[in-house]
Amino acid sequence: MSRSKAINVKIATSKVIKALENKLTQIKKQYEEQDALEAKHQKAIEKWKKELIEYAIANIKKAENLRTNYRSWNKTLNIDFDLTVSESSVPQEPNRNFEQLYTHAYNEMVEEIENAIRILKMTDEEYVSTSTYNSIAKYL
């Protein structure tokens, strides 16, 4: 049976404050850039969807398990079918290469970091206590 042992280190308060300030700057910058990154990602998704449609049309003769559904109330026809493919032949969906921050999570993180910075700047302690470090470690 393995027990995890506590790490006992002393970290200078000034270093923790500097790290928190850097993280706060990084989070604010990431939040500001998020809309542009999301727009770029949505363009890539639209391009991928067009590539999928072209792929499906080019391979329609290989379609199996054809299903249709006509909705007369809005005059739409849904056609669904299966294609057996290899992974390399299908256009790959673009990945979101950034973390999406929602407003409530962003506001909460910024508030917690700013509060921690204010409290740490008021202390006369040279080193951060373990309990303080544990509460702010998720941001470092």
N, C-alpha and C. Protein backbone atom coordinates (compact mmCIF):
# COMPACT_ATOMS: atom_id res chain seq x y z
N MET A 1 0.84 -1.17 0.00
CA MET A 1 0.00 0.00 0.00
C MET A 1 0.89 1.24 0.00
N SER A 2 0.61 2.14 -0.89
CA SER A 2 1.43 3.33 -1.05
C SER A 2 0.73 4.53 -0.44
N ARG A 3 1.49 5.29 0.32
CA ARG A 3 0.96 6.53 0.88
C ARG A 3 1.63 7.70 0.19
N SER A 4 0.85 8.73 -0.05
CA SER A 4 1.47 9.92 -0.62
C SER A 4 2.01 10.76 0.53
N LYS A 5 3.23 11.18 0.38
CA LYS A 5 3.86 11.98 1.43
C LYS A 5 3.73 13.44 1.08
N ALA A 6 3.54 14.24 2.10
CA ALA A 6 3.39 15.67 1.90
C ALA A 6 4.74 16.28 1.52
N ILE A 7 4.69 17.24 0.64
CA ILE A 7 5.89 17.95 0.24
C ILE A 7 6.02 19.16 1.16
N ASN A 8 7.17 19.31 1.74
CA ASN A 8 7.38 20.42 2.67
C ASN A 8 8.45 21.33 2.10
N VAL A 9 8.01 22.42 1.48
CA VAL A 9 8.93 23.40 0.91
C VAL A 9 8.53 24.79 1.37
N LYS A 10 9.50 25.67 1.38
CA LYS A 10 9.21 27.05 1.71
C LYS A 10 9.33 27.87 0.44
N ILE A 11 8.27 28.58 0.11
CA ILE A 11 8.26 29.40 -1.09
C ILE A 11 8.12 30.86 -0.66
N ALA A 12 8.99 31.68 -1.19
CA ALA A 12 8.98 33.10 -0.83
C ALA A 12 7.67 33.74 -1.28
N THR A 13 7.12 34.57 -0.41
CA THR A 13 5.85 35.25 -0.70
C THR A 13 5.97 36.09 -1.96
N SER A 14 7.10 36.75 -2.14
CA SER A 14 7.28 37.60 -3.33
C SER A 14 7.23 36.79 -4.62
N LYS A 15 7.77 35.57 -4.59
CA LYS A 15 7.73 34.71 -5.78
C LYS A 15 6.30 34.26 -6.09
N VAL A 16 5.54 33.97 -5.05
CA VAL A 16 4.15 33.55 -5.25
C VAL A 16 3.32 34.70 -5.80
N ILE A 17 3.55 35.90 -5.26
CA ILE A 17 2.83 37.08 -5.76
C ILE A 17 3.15 37.30 -7.24
N LYS A 18 4.42 37.24 -7.60
CA LYS A 18 4.82 37.43 -8.99
C LYS A 18 4.20 36.37 -9.89
N ALA A 19 4.18 35.11 -9.44
CA ALA A 19 3.59 34.03 -10.24
C ALA A 19 2.09 34.25 -10.42
N LEU A 20 1.41 34.69 -9.37
CA LEU A 20 -0.03 34.95 -9.46
C LEU A 20 -0.31 36.13 -10.39
N GLU A 21 0.51 37.17 -10.33
CA GLU A 21 0.33 38.31 -11.22
C GLU A 21 0.53 37.90 -12.68
N ASN A 22 1.53 37.05 -12.93
CA ASN A 22 1.77 36.56 -14.29
C ASN A 22 0.58 35.73 -14.77
N LYS A 23 0.06 34.88 -13.90
CA LYS A 23 -1.08 34.04 -14.27
C LYS A 23 -2.31 34.90 -14.54
N LEU A 24 -2.52 35.93 -13.73
CA LEU A 24 -3.66 36.84 -13.93
C LEU A 24 -3.56 37.53 -15.28
N THR A 25 -2.37 37.99 -15.64
CA THR A 25 -2.15 38.62 -16.94
C THR A 25 -2.44 37.63 -18.07
N GLN A 26 -1.95 36.41 -17.90
CA GLN A 26 -2.16 35.37 -18.92
C GLN A 26 -3.64 35.05 -19.09
N ILE A 27 -4.38 34.93 -18.01
CA ILE A 27 -5.82 34.62 -18.07
C ILE A 27 -6.58 35.75 -18.75
N LYS A 28 -6.26 36.98 -18.40
CA LYS A 28 -6.94 38.13 -19.02
C LYS A 28 -6.66 38.20 -20.52
N LYS A 29 -5.41 37.95 -20.91
CA LYS A 29 -5.05 37.97 -22.32
C LYS A 29 -5.78 36.85 -23.07
N GLN A 30 -5.81 35.67 -22.47
CA GLN A 30 -6.49 34.52 -23.09
C GLN A 30 -7.97 34.81 -23.27
N TYR A 31 -8.59 35.44 -22.28
CA TYR A 31 -10.02 35.74 -22.36
C TYR A 31 -10.29 36.76 -23.46
N GLU A 32 -9.39 37.76 -23.62
CA GLU A 32 -9.57 38.77 -24.65
C GLU A 32 -9.42 38.18 -26.05
N GLU A 33 -8.50 37.23 -26.20
CA GLU A 33 -8.24 36.63 -27.51
C GLU A 33 -9.23 35.53 -27.86
N GLN A 34 -10.03 35.12 -26.90
CA GLN A 34 -10.92 33.98 -27.08
C GLN A 34 -11.90 34.15 -28.24
N ASP A 35 -12.49 35.32 -28.40
CA ASP A 35 -13.47 35.53 -29.47
C ASP A 35 -12.83 35.36 -30.85
N ALA A 36 -11.63 35.90 -31.03
CA ALA A 36 -10.95 35.77 -32.32
C ALA A 36 -10.59 34.32 -32.58
N LEU A 37 -10.10 33.62 -31.54
CA LEU A 37 -9.75 32.21 -31.70
C LEU A 37 -10.97 31.36 -32.00
N GLU A 38 -12.09 31.68 -31.36
CA GLU A 38 -13.33 30.93 -31.59
C GLU A 38 -13.84 31.17 -33.01
N ALA A 39 -13.75 32.40 -33.50
CA ALA A 39 -14.17 32.69 -34.87
C ALA A 39 -13.31 31.93 -35.87
N LYS A 40 -12.01 31.88 -35.62
CA LYS A 40 -11.10 31.12 -36.48
C LYS A 40 -11.45 29.63 -36.45
N HIS A 41 -11.77 29.12 -35.27
CA HIS A 41 -12.14 27.71 -35.13
C HIS A 41 -13.45 27.42 -35.87
N GLN A 42 -14.42 28.31 -35.78
CA GLN A 42 -15.69 28.11 -36.46
C GLN A 42 -15.51 28.12 -37.98
N LYS A 43 -14.60 28.95 -38.49
CA LYS A 43 -14.30 28.95 -39.93
C LYS A 43 -13.73 27.59 -40.33
N ALA A 44 -12.84 27.07 -39.50
CA ALA A 44 -12.23 25.76 -39.79
C ALA A 44 -13.30 24.66 -39.75
N ILE A 45 -14.26 24.77 -38.84
CA ILE A 45 -15.35 23.78 -38.75
C ILE A 45 -16.22 23.85 -40.01
N GLU A 46 -16.53 25.05 -40.47
CA GLU A 46 -17.33 25.20 -41.68
C GLU A 46 -16.61 24.61 -42.90
N LYS A 47 -15.31 24.85 -42.99
CA LYS A 47 -14.51 24.29 -44.08
C LYS A 47 -14.53 22.76 -44.00
N TRP A 48 -14.40 22.23 -42.79
CA TRP A 48 -14.42 20.77 -42.58
C TRP A 48 -15.76 20.18 -42.99
N LYS A 49 -16.85 20.87 -42.65
CA LYS A 49 -18.19 20.38 -43.02
C LYS A 49 -18.34 20.31 -44.54
N LYS A 50 -17.82 21.32 -45.23
CA LYS A 50 -17.88 21.31 -46.70
C LYS A 50 -17.07 20.15 -47.26
N GLU A 51 -15.90 19.90 -46.66
CA GLU A 51 -15.07 18.76 -47.10
C GLU A 51 -15.79 17.44 -46.87
N LEU A 52 -16.52 17.33 -45.74
CA LEU A 52 -17.29 16.12 -45.46
C LEU A 52 -18.39 15.91 -46.49
N ILE A 53 -19.08 16.99 -46.83
CA ILE A 53 -20.15 16.89 -47.83
C ILE A 53 -19.57 16.43 -49.17
N GLU A 54 -18.45 17.03 -49.58
CA GLU A 54 -17.80 16.63 -50.83
C GLU A 54 -17.39 15.16 -50.78
N TYR A 55 -16.86 14.73 -49.64
CA TYR A 55 -16.44 13.34 -49.47
C TYR A 55 -17.65 12.41 -49.58
N ALA A 56 -18.74 12.78 -48.91
CA ALA A 56 -19.95 11.94 -48.92
C ALA A 56 -20.53 11.85 -50.34
N ILE A 57 -20.57 12.96 -51.04
CA ILE A 57 -21.10 12.95 -52.40
C ILE A 57 -20.23 12.09 -53.32
N ALA A 58 -18.93 12.20 -53.16
CA ALA A 58 -18.02 11.41 -54.00
C ALA A 58 -18.13 9.92 -53.72
N ASN A 59 -18.57 9.56 -52.51
CA ASN A 59 -18.63 8.14 -52.13
C ASN A 59 -20.07 7.64 -51.94
N ILE A 60 -21.05 8.35 -52.47
CA ILE A 60 -22.46 8.00 -52.28
C ILE A 60 -22.80 6.62 -52.83
N LYS A 61 -22.09 6.17 -53.83
CA LYS A 61 -22.37 4.86 -54.41
C LYS A 61 -22.01 3.73 -53.45
N LYS A 62 -21.18 4.01 -52.46
CA LYS A 62 -20.80 3.01 -51.46
C LYS A 62 -21.73 3.05 -50.24
N ALA A 63 -22.75 3.86 -50.29
CA ALA A 63 -23.65 4.06 -49.14
C ALA A 63 -24.39 2.78 -48.78
N GLU A 64 -24.53 2.58 -47.47
CA GLU A 64 -25.27 1.43 -46.93
C GLU A 64 -26.30 1.96 -45.94
N ASN A 65 -27.31 1.16 -45.70
CA ASN A 65 -28.29 1.47 -44.65
C ASN A 65 -28.91 2.86 -44.86
N LEU A 66 -29.47 3.07 -46.01
CA LEU A 66 -30.07 4.35 -46.37
C LEU A 66 -31.38 4.56 -45.60
N ARG A 67 -31.52 5.74 -45.00
CA ARG A 67 -32.73 6.09 -44.24
C ARG A 67 -33.20 7.47 -44.70
N THR A 68 -34.50 7.63 -44.82
CA THR A 68 -35.05 8.93 -45.20
C THR A 68 -36.16 9.32 -44.24
N ASN A 69 -36.38 10.60 -44.13
CA ASN A 69 -37.44 11.12 -43.28
C ASN A 69 -37.94 12.42 -43.91
N TYR A 70 -39.19 12.41 -44.36
CA TYR A 70 -39.77 13.61 -44.96
C TYR A 70 -40.71 14.25 -43.95
N ARG A 71 -40.50 15.54 -43.72
CA ARG A 71 -41.37 16.30 -42.81
C ARG A 71 -42.19 17.26 -43.65
N SER A 72 -43.47 16.95 -43.79
CA SER A 72 -44.32 17.76 -44.67
C SER A 72 -44.63 19.13 -44.06
N TRP A 73 -44.62 19.23 -42.76
CA TRP A 73 -44.97 20.49 -42.12
C TRP A 73 -43.97 21.60 -42.45
N ASN A 74 -42.70 21.25 -42.67
CA ASN A 74 -41.74 22.28 -43.08
C ASN A 74 -41.05 21.94 -44.39
N LYS A 75 -41.58 20.90 -45.06
CA LYS A 75 -41.12 20.49 -46.39
C LYS A 75 -39.61 20.24 -46.43
N THR A 76 -39.13 19.42 -45.49
CA THR A 76 -37.72 19.05 -45.48
C THR A 76 -37.57 17.54 -45.60
N LEU A 77 -36.53 17.14 -46.25
CA LEU A 77 -36.21 15.73 -46.42
C LEU A 77 -34.85 15.48 -45.80
N ASN A 78 -34.80 14.55 -44.88
CA ASN A 78 -33.55 14.16 -44.25
C ASN A 78 -33.14 12.82 -44.83
N ILE A 79 -31.92 12.77 -45.38
CA ILE A 79 -31.39 11.52 -45.91
C ILE A 79 -30.16 11.16 -45.09
N ASP A 80 -30.18 9.97 -44.54
CA ASP A 80 -29.10 9.50 -43.67
C ASP A 80 -28.59 8.18 -44.23
N PHE A 81 -27.27 8.02 -44.26
CA PHE A 81 -26.69 6.77 -44.75
C PHE A 81 -25.36 6.52 -44.08
N ASP A 82 -24.87 5.31 -44.19
CA ASP A 82 -23.60 4.91 -43.59
C ASP A 82 -22.58 4.65 -44.68
N LEU A 83 -21.34 5.04 -44.40
CA LEU A 83 -20.22 4.75 -45.28
C LEU A 83 -19.16 4.02 -44.48
N THR A 84 -18.64 2.94 -45.03
CA THR A 84 -17.52 2.26 -44.41
C THR A 84 -16.26 2.88 -44.98
N VAL A 85 -15.44 3.46 -44.10
CA VAL A 85 -14.27 4.22 -44.55
C VAL A 85 -13.05 3.86 -43.71
N SER A 86 -11.90 4.26 -44.22
CA SER A 86 -10.69 4.18 -43.41
C SER A 86 -10.48 5.56 -42.80
N GLU A 87 -9.87 5.60 -41.62
CA GLU A 87 -9.70 6.88 -40.93
C GLU A 87 -8.92 7.90 -41.74
N SER A 88 -7.95 7.43 -42.48
CA SER A 88 -7.09 8.36 -43.23
C SER A 88 -7.81 9.02 -44.41
N SER A 89 -8.89 8.40 -44.88
CA SER A 89 -9.57 8.96 -46.06
C SER A 89 -10.61 10.02 -45.70
N VAL A 90 -11.07 10.05 -44.47
CA VAL A 90 -12.10 11.00 -44.05
C VAL A 90 -11.44 12.30 -43.60
N PRO A 91 -11.97 13.44 -44.01
CA PRO A 91 -11.42 14.72 -43.53
C PRO A 91 -11.49 14.78 -42.00
N GLN A 92 -10.40 15.20 -41.38
CA GLN A 92 -10.32 15.24 -39.93
C GLN A 92 -10.92 16.53 -39.36
N GLU A 93 -11.71 16.36 -38.32
CA GLU A 93 -12.33 17.51 -37.66
C GLU A 93 -11.26 18.35 -36.98
N PRO A 94 -11.29 19.67 -37.16
CA PRO A 94 -10.28 20.52 -36.51
C PRO A 94 -10.47 20.54 -35.00
N ASN A 95 -9.35 20.53 -34.29
CA ASN A 95 -9.39 20.57 -32.82
C ASN A 95 -9.39 22.01 -32.34
N ARG A 96 -10.04 22.23 -31.23
CA ARG A 96 -10.00 23.54 -30.58
C ARG A 96 -8.70 23.57 -29.79
N ASN A 97 -7.75 24.39 -30.23
CA ASN A 97 -6.43 24.39 -29.60
C ASN A 97 -6.30 25.49 -28.54
N PHE A 98 -7.38 25.80 -27.90
CA PHE A 98 -7.39 26.76 -26.81
C PHE A 98 -8.46 26.37 -25.82
N GLU A 99 -8.26 26.80 -24.59
CA GLU A 99 -9.25 26.50 -23.55
C GLU A 99 -10.32 27.59 -23.58
N GLN A 100 -11.56 27.16 -23.62
CA GLN A 100 -12.66 28.11 -23.67
C GLN A 100 -13.03 28.51 -22.25
N LEU A 101 -12.93 29.81 -21.96
CA LEU A 101 -13.27 30.33 -20.64
C LEU A 101 -14.65 30.99 -20.70
N TYR A 102 -15.57 30.48 -19.90
CA TYR A 102 -16.89 31.09 -19.83
C TYR A 102 -16.84 32.27 -18.86
N THR A 103 -17.70 33.24 -19.06
CA THR A 103 -17.65 34.49 -18.30
C THR A 103 -17.68 34.25 -16.80
N HIS A 104 -18.56 33.38 -16.33
CA HIS A 104 -18.66 33.17 -14.89
C HIS A 104 -17.39 32.54 -14.33
N ALA A 105 -16.79 31.61 -15.06
CA ALA A 105 -15.55 30.97 -14.60
C ALA A 105 -14.40 31.97 -14.64
N TYR A 106 -14.36 32.78 -15.69
CA TYR A 106 -13.32 33.81 -15.82
C TYR A 106 -13.42 34.80 -14.65
N ASN A 107 -14.62 35.31 -14.40
CA ASN A 107 -14.80 36.27 -13.31
C ASN A 107 -14.41 35.68 -11.96
N GLU A 108 -14.77 34.43 -11.74
CA GLU A 108 -14.43 33.76 -10.48
C GLU A 108 -12.92 33.60 -10.32
N MET A 109 -12.24 33.17 -11.39
CA MET A 109 -10.79 32.99 -11.33
C MET A 109 -10.08 34.32 -11.09
N VAL A 110 -10.47 35.34 -11.82
CA VAL A 110 -9.84 36.65 -11.68
C VAL A 110 -10.04 37.18 -10.26
N GLU A 111 -11.25 37.04 -9.74
CA GLU A 111 -11.53 37.53 -8.40
C GLU A 111 -10.70 36.79 -7.35
N GLU A 112 -10.61 35.47 -7.46
CA GLU A 112 -9.83 34.68 -6.50
C GLU A 112 -8.35 35.03 -6.57
N ILE A 113 -7.82 35.19 -7.76
CA ILE A 113 -6.40 35.52 -7.90
C ILE A 113 -6.12 36.92 -7.37
N GLU A 114 -6.98 37.87 -7.72
CA GLU A 114 -6.78 39.24 -7.22
C GLU A 114 -6.88 39.30 -5.70
N ASN A 115 -7.81 38.55 -5.11
CA ASN A 115 -7.92 38.51 -3.65
C ASN A 115 -6.66 37.91 -3.03
N ALA A 116 -6.16 36.84 -3.62
CA ALA A 116 -4.95 36.19 -3.10
C ALA A 116 -3.76 37.15 -3.17
N ILE A 117 -3.65 37.88 -4.27
CA ILE A 117 -2.54 38.84 -4.42
C ILE A 117 -2.64 39.94 -3.36
N ARG A 118 -3.85 40.47 -3.17
CA ARG A 118 -4.03 41.52 -2.16
C ARG A 118 -3.66 41.03 -0.77
N ILE A 119 -4.11 39.84 -0.42
CA ILE A 119 -3.82 39.30 0.91
C ILE A 119 -2.32 39.04 1.07
N LEU A 120 -1.70 38.47 0.05
CA LEU A 120 -0.27 38.18 0.14
C LEU A 120 0.57 39.45 0.22
N LYS A 121 0.12 40.52 -0.42
CA LYS A 121 0.85 41.79 -0.35
C LYS A 121 0.75 42.44 1.03
N MET A 122 -0.29 42.08 1.78
CA MET A 122 -0.47 42.66 3.12
C MET A 122 0.31 41.91 4.20
N THR A 123 0.77 40.71 3.90
CA THR A 123 1.41 39.91 4.93
C THR A 123 2.87 40.33 5.15
N ASP A 124 3.33 40.12 6.38
CA ASP A 124 4.72 40.37 6.72
C ASP A 124 5.53 39.08 6.68
N GLU A 125 4.85 37.97 6.41
CA GLU A 125 5.53 36.67 6.37
C GLU A 125 6.46 36.60 5.16
N GLU A 126 7.63 36.03 5.39
CA GLU A 126 8.61 35.89 4.31
C GLU A 126 8.24 34.74 3.37
N TYR A 127 7.63 33.70 3.96
CA TYR A 127 7.27 32.52 3.19
C TYR A 127 5.76 32.27 3.26
N VAL A 128 5.25 31.63 2.22
CA VAL A 128 3.83 31.30 2.14
C VAL A 128 3.59 30.02 2.93
N SER A 129 2.52 29.99 3.72
CA SER A 129 2.18 28.78 4.47
C SER A 129 1.65 27.71 3.53
N THR A 130 1.72 26.48 3.98
CA THR A 130 1.28 25.36 3.17
C THR A 130 -0.20 25.46 2.83
N SER A 131 -1.03 25.85 3.81
CA SER A 131 -2.47 25.93 3.55
C SER A 131 -2.78 27.03 2.53
N THR A 132 -2.06 28.15 2.61
CA THR A 132 -2.26 29.22 1.63
C THR A 132 -1.83 28.74 0.25
N TYR A 133 -0.67 28.09 0.20
CA TYR A 133 -0.17 27.61 -1.08
C TYR A 133 -1.14 26.59 -1.68
N ASN A 134 -1.67 25.70 -0.86
CA ASN A 134 -2.62 24.69 -1.36
C ASN A 134 -3.87 25.33 -1.96
N SER A 135 -4.32 26.44 -1.39
CA SER A 135 -5.53 27.07 -1.90
C SER A 135 -5.31 27.84 -3.20
N ILE A 136 -4.07 28.23 -3.49
CA ILE A 136 -3.81 28.98 -4.72
C ILE A 136 -3.03 28.17 -5.76
N ALA A 137 -2.62 26.99 -5.41
CA ALA A 137 -1.77 26.17 -6.29
C ALA A 137 -2.43 25.87 -7.63
N LYS A 138 -3.74 25.79 -7.68
CA LYS A 138 -4.42 25.47 -8.93
C LYS A 138 -4.24 26.56 -9.99
N TYR A 139 -3.85 27.76 -9.56
CA TYR A 139 -3.65 28.85 -10.51
C TYR A 139 -2.20 28.99 -10.96
N LEU A 140 -1.31 28.32 -10.28
CA LEU A 140 0.12 28.47 -10.60
C LEU A 140 0.59 27.47 -11.61
